[in-house]
Amino acid sequence: MSESTPPSDSPKPEPVDPEGAPPATAPAGAAKNPEPPGTSGTSGTPGTPGTPGTPGGTSGTSTTSGAAGHSDAPQGKAAVEDPGGKPPPPPQADPGDDATRQGPPSLTAQAKHDPEDEARRKLLMFIIAGSVAAGILLIVALVLALRPSDTTLSSTPTTSAAASSSATLTLIPSGTIPEGTTVTATISLVSPLGFRSAVVTVDGQRVAQTSSATDALTFTPQPGKHVAMARITLQNGEEIQTAAVDFTVGNPPGTPVPPKTQAPSSTAPASSSTTAQAPSTTALGPVKANGVSASGVAPLKFGDPQADAAAALPGEQPNADKCPKIAPTFEGGKVNTFFGFPNGKFAYFGTVNPDWSTPEGAKTGMTEDEVKALIPGLTAKAGADGISLLVNKSTDGSSELVFWVSGGKVIYLAASTGELAEARQCGG
């Protein structure tokens, strides 16, 4: 009669060590007969019961055991210690679980997991780079626009205002002018710039000047053939010159000309009254108060004989004792004025009286700057006794006009042949 297998819940006999050693005792609290984790499989066929052992012998064993099933231990079960006393290994985290990774995720990882943020970041960087580039291009464009181009400068030559300006001088009357006639000079200017000043010259001598385009320019020319010209100064300081205008001063055709009278030659001193000087063939009028120039006192010119003084300085008698260096002298009807005729010819004029002036209006009492503005080109020289001189030479250099300056003002006006006007000749 076969023996039946005892129920699984009945206590199993303890194995006896053949050496007689007591059986190993499991730690307290440890579960008996632990099952290794694994995947559950199909249970094996029950083995054939073994032959009962003899008392004190080896217990019977089954010949065939079922294949141990492998099962995954579910998470959450209590860890089972190894029967040998070793602690069980810690649970292994799933590699795919982000929650078990060490440390905070990096920016790159966040960008990889957030493609929209990465796109926005790239777009922002593109906008910033584009704005910087546009700003640089704008600055470069402004610099290039404000800097004059070398090509433009070289291809566009500078044109002066004088090159595109023109002026015309007209004399009224013109042609043949009767003696003693006052001539009016008019200037027509065509220029992109305005008018600053104008000077009219006759035979190289300045006869009229103005700083206003509306002022009348008048002068009384001497008999003979002359050439008049005008020089205009534009607002920018450039000067242009008109064409020359020829004219003649003389008696109209049909008027009898008085015969020339040859003056007798004489080596007698100028102060001698025994020698009579013949008057010039041209009848002169009284000298003009505004006729002082490097050539004389219009219409009286340096070099004219003393006989002409009767017409130029009417009602006066020569004085042989006053200013001996330039005697005989005349006063011209005004105080502190001297007309000198040494050797019988007009050679010196000097005055402190402001009633006398040049055609430009320069006279005593004016400041040095005022005179220079009226008569450009004056030459400064040092005179005696700390006096400064402003000299204007005639065209041929044989005579001169001199302004004596002290304390910044003109104190004496003189004109003469040579350089007589640069030295004191009389007490005035």
Foldseek 3Di string as FASTA:
>chain_A
DDDDDDDPPDDDDDDADPVRDDDDDFDPPADPPDDDAFAFDDAADDFDWFDADDVVDGGGDGPDGTDGTHRHDDPPDDFHQDRVRHGDDDDDDDVVDPVPDPDDDDPVVVCVVPVVVVVVVVVVVVVVVVVVVVVVVVVVVVVVVPDDDPVVDVVDDDDDQQVVKAKAKDWVVFAEAEAPDKIWIAMDIDTPFAFQKKFKDKQQWTAAIDRDNPDITIGGDHAAKIKMKMWTATPVGDIDIHDIGIHGYHHPPPDDQDDADDADDDPDWPLDPPGDGDFGSDQAAAFDLQQDFQQGTPPAGWFGFLVNCCHHQPPWDFDCPALVVQPRWDASPDPQWTFGQTVGTTFKIKGQDQSHHHNLSDGFPAFPVVVCVSPPDWDWDAAPPRWIWTWDAGPVRQKIWIFTDDPRTTRMTMIGGDCPRRDDRHPD
